[in-house]
Amino acid sequence: MLKIWIGKYERYHRLGKPDSHISRDFNPEPLESDFARRLIHDCSDGSEVINPVLFKHPIRGHYYLEQLPSGVQTLLIARYDNSVVCDIKYLSKNCLPYLVEASNEVDMVVSLSKYLDFIGEALDNGDFVGGIYAMNTDEIINTSEDWHKYWEEHGNDVIENEPDAVDPFDWIEEFEDI
């Protein structure tokens, strides 16, 4: 399920632009998975994975991990690295099917500081199995109308560390015990 903080996320494990994280802290091994290969091909203009850190674009030639588009980097980190909370504002609509697929396969905690209308379209199509879990208020969002309304109410929220704030990744241990 996609678990999302709406607004300016300034809490634990915050990750803004993904470039430095993907080149320094990201384990590239999952980039040889079928999911990563399809994502990179479809959302990086037909690029192929040569190995986990080297890619080949049909026109521009070879390039490296940190040169992948920001949306692709963000989605790879969100899918394969649960040590950070990515701001998915860098995703473009062509990454949406992969965001849906990944969040239907694994629980992903992300943030969003910019309204993305195409998420509402996916909700109306029933693409997000079970909807989207809004972390700000512990609500499930199931329709584009609810998505828009929630954004209107919480898009300007600032989510900061507070005294006695709970680490957003604490829920992982809770669910592993069930």
Protein backbone atom coordinates (compact mmCIF):
# COMPACT_ATOMS: atom_id res chain seq x y z
CA MET A 1 0.00 0.00 0.00
CA LEU A 2 1.12 3.54 -0.70
CA LYS A 3 1.49 5.31 2.65
CA ILE A 4 1.87 9.01 2.03
CA TRP A 5 2.65 12.13 4.03
CA ILE A 6 1.04 15.17 2.35
CA GLY A 7 2.76 18.55 2.66
CA LYS A 8 6.29 19.61 3.53
CA TYR A 9 7.84 16.56 5.19
CA GLU A 10 10.72 17.52 7.47
CA ARG A 11 10.75 14.49 9.74
CA TYR A 12 12.77 11.35 10.18
CA HIS A 13 14.48 9.83 7.16
CA ARG A 14 13.58 12.75 4.85
CA LEU A 15 14.96 12.58 1.32
CA GLY A 16 14.51 15.49 -1.07
CA LYS A 17 16.08 15.24 -4.51
CA PRO A 18 17.32 11.67 -4.96
CA ASP A 19 20.59 12.21 -6.88
CA SER A 20 23.09 12.18 -4.01
CA HIS A 21 21.34 9.34 -2.16
CA ILE A 22 21.24 7.08 -5.19
CA SER A 23 24.93 7.58 -5.95
CA ARG A 24 26.16 7.25 -2.33
CA ASP A 25 23.72 5.21 -0.25
CA PHE A 26 21.53 3.15 -2.56
CA ASN A 27 22.20 -0.57 -3.05
CA PRO A 28 21.96 -0.96 -6.85
CA GLU A 29 21.53 -4.77 -6.87
CA PRO A 30 17.70 -4.61 -7.31
CA LEU A 31 18.20 -2.71 -10.58
CA GLU A 32 18.60 -6.03 -12.34
CA SER A 33 15.06 -7.03 -11.35
CA ASP A 34 12.32 -7.21 -13.94
CA PHE A 35 10.49 -4.29 -12.30
CA ALA A 36 13.55 -2.01 -12.39
CA ARG A 37 14.43 -2.98 -15.97
CA ARG A 38 10.89 -2.19 -17.18
CA LEU A 39 10.77 1.08 -15.21
CA ILE A 40 14.11 2.24 -16.57
CA HIS A 41 13.22 1.26 -20.13
CA ASP A 42 9.76 2.85 -20.13
CA CYS A 43 10.56 5.98 -18.12
CA SER A 44 14.09 6.68 -19.40
CA ASP A 45 13.42 6.86 -23.13
CA GLY A 46 14.09 3.22 -23.94
CA SER A 47 17.25 2.83 -21.86
CA GLU A 48 18.54 -0.64 -21.11
CA VAL A 49 20.16 -1.88 -17.89
CA ILE A 50 23.68 -3.07 -18.76
CA ASN A 51 24.55 -3.72 -15.10
CA PRO A 52 23.23 -2.22 -11.83
CA VAL A 53 25.10 1.07 -12.31
CA LEU A 54 25.41 1.36 -16.10
CA PHE A 55 22.64 2.02 -18.62
CA LYS A 56 22.47 2.46 -22.37
CA HIS A 57 20.23 5.00 -24.04
CA PRO A 58 19.41 4.26 -27.70
CA ILE A 59 20.72 7.66 -28.87
CA ARG A 60 22.84 9.20 -26.11
CA GLY A 61 24.79 6.02 -25.35
CA HIS A 62 26.01 4.87 -21.96
CA TYR A 63 25.32 6.68 -18.69
CA TYR A 64 25.45 6.04 -14.96
CA LEU A 65 23.03 5.51 -12.08
CA GLU A 66 23.06 9.13 -10.88
CA GLN A 67 22.13 10.24 -14.42
CA LEU A 68 18.81 8.40 -14.44
CA PRO A 69 15.82 10.78 -14.47
CA SER A 70 14.90 12.07 -10.99
CA GLY A 71 11.46 10.43 -11.13
CA VAL A 72 13.00 7.04 -11.91
CA GLN A 73 15.57 7.45 -9.14
CA THR A 74 12.84 8.45 -6.69
CA LEU A 75 10.68 5.45 -7.51
CA LEU A 76 13.62 3.04 -7.31
CA ILE A 77 14.56 4.39 -3.89
CA ALA A 78 10.95 4.34 -2.66
CA ARG A 79 10.53 0.74 -3.86
CA TYR A 80 13.86 -0.75 -2.78
CA ASP A 81 15.17 1.38 0.11
CA ASN A 82 12.91 1.71 3.14
CA SER A 83 15.52 3.69 5.09
CA VAL A 84 14.32 7.02 3.67
CA VAL A 85 11.05 8.82 2.90
CA CYS A 86 11.16 10.07 -0.70
CA ASP A 87 9.23 13.08 -1.93
CA ILE A 88 7.49 11.69 -5.02
CA LYS A 89 6.99 15.18 -6.50
CA TYR A 90 9.63 14.23 -9.09
CA LEU A 91 7.46 11.50 -10.62
CA SER A 92 5.92 12.21 -13.98
CA LYS A 93 2.78 10.55 -15.26
CA ASN A 94 4.74 7.93 -17.20
CA CYS A 95 6.00 6.55 -13.85
CA LEU A 96 2.46 6.18 -12.46
CA PRO A 97 1.94 2.54 -13.53
CA TYR A 98 5.16 1.64 -11.73
CA LEU A 99 4.21 3.57 -8.60
CA VAL A 100 0.92 1.67 -8.56
CA GLU A 101 2.58 -1.69 -9.22
CA ALA A 102 5.25 -1.19 -6.56
CA SER A 103 2.82 0.03 -3.90
CA ASN A 104 0.47 -2.87 -4.60
CA GLU A 105 3.38 -5.29 -4.07
CA VAL A 106 5.03 -3.71 -1.00
CA ASP A 107 4.17 -1.06 1.58
CA MET A 108 5.94 2.17 0.64
CA VAL A 109 6.18 5.25 2.85
CA VAL A 110 6.61 8.43 0.79
CA SER A 111 5.89 12.13 1.04
CA LEU A 112 4.40 14.54 -1.47
CA SER A 113 4.93 18.30 -1.43
CA LYS A 114 3.40 19.06 -4.85
CA TYR A 115 -0.09 18.12 -6.04
CA LEU A 116 -0.08 15.31 -8.61
CA ASP A 117 -3.50 15.11 -10.27
CA PHE A 118 -2.73 11.82 -12.04
CA ILE A 119 -2.80 10.01 -8.68
CA GLY A 120 -6.52 10.85 -8.50
CA GLU A 121 -7.04 9.26 -11.92
CA ALA A 122 -5.42 6.04 -10.71
CA LEU A 123 -7.61 6.07 -7.60
CA ASP A 124 -10.77 6.41 -9.72
CA ASN A 125 -9.60 3.52 -11.89
CA GLY A 126 -9.15 1.37 -8.77
CA ASP A 127 -5.45 0.93 -9.56
CA PHE A 128 -4.30 1.39 -5.95
CA VAL A 129 -5.55 -1.78 -4.26
CA GLY A 130 -7.14 -0.64 -1.00
CA GLY A 131 -6.60 3.04 -1.82
CA ILE A 132 -3.85 5.26 -0.43
CA TYR A 133 -3.13 5.55 3.27
CA ALA A 134 -2.79 9.23 4.28
CA MET A 135 -0.27 9.28 7.12
CA ASN A 136 -1.12 12.84 8.26
CA THR A 137 -4.50 11.78 9.64
CA ASP A 138 -4.61 7.97 9.40
CA GLU A 139 -7.21 7.98 6.62
CA ILE A 140 -7.68 5.91 3.48
CA ILE A 141 -8.18 7.85 0.24
CA ASN A 142 -10.09 5.99 -2.49
CA THR A 143 -11.26 8.55 -5.09
CA SER A 144 -9.91 11.54 -6.99
CA GLU A 145 -12.47 13.70 -5.21
CA ASP A 146 -11.15 12.55 -1.84
CA TRP A 147 -7.57 12.98 -3.10
CA HIS A 148 -8.24 16.58 -4.19
CA LYS A 149 -10.11 17.40 -0.98
CA TYR A 150 -7.36 15.88 1.16
CA TRP A 151 -4.73 17.86 -0.74
CA GLU A 152 -6.71 21.08 -0.26
CA GLU A 153 -6.85 20.44 3.49
CA HIS A 154 -3.30 19.12 4.02
CA GLY A 155 -1.15 20.27 1.09
CA ASN A 156 0.33 23.07 3.20
CA ASP A 157 0.95 20.90 6.27
CA VAL A 158 4.47 20.96 7.66
CA ILE A 159 5.31 17.58 9.13
CA GLU A 160 8.14 18.11 11.60
CA ASN A 161 9.73 16.12 14.36
CA GLU A 162 7.78 16.84 17.50
CA PRO A 163 8.46 15.96 21.12
CA ASP A 164 7.68 12.26 21.48
CA ALA A 165 7.09 11.96 17.72
CA VAL A 166 6.89 8.39 16.50
CA ASP A 167 9.31 7.29 13.82
CA PRO A 168 7.19 6.61 10.69
CA PHE A 169 8.94 3.28 10.20
CA ASP A 170 7.77 1.92 13.55
CA TRP A 171 4.69 0.50 11.80
CA ILE A 172 6.91 -2.00 9.95
CA GLU A 173 7.73 -3.89 13.15
CA GLU A 174 4.09 -3.81 14.25
CA PHE A 175 2.93 -5.48 11.04
CA GLU A 176 5.74 -8.03 11.02
CA ASP A 177 4.42 -9.41 14.33
CA ILE A 178 0.95 -10.05 12.90
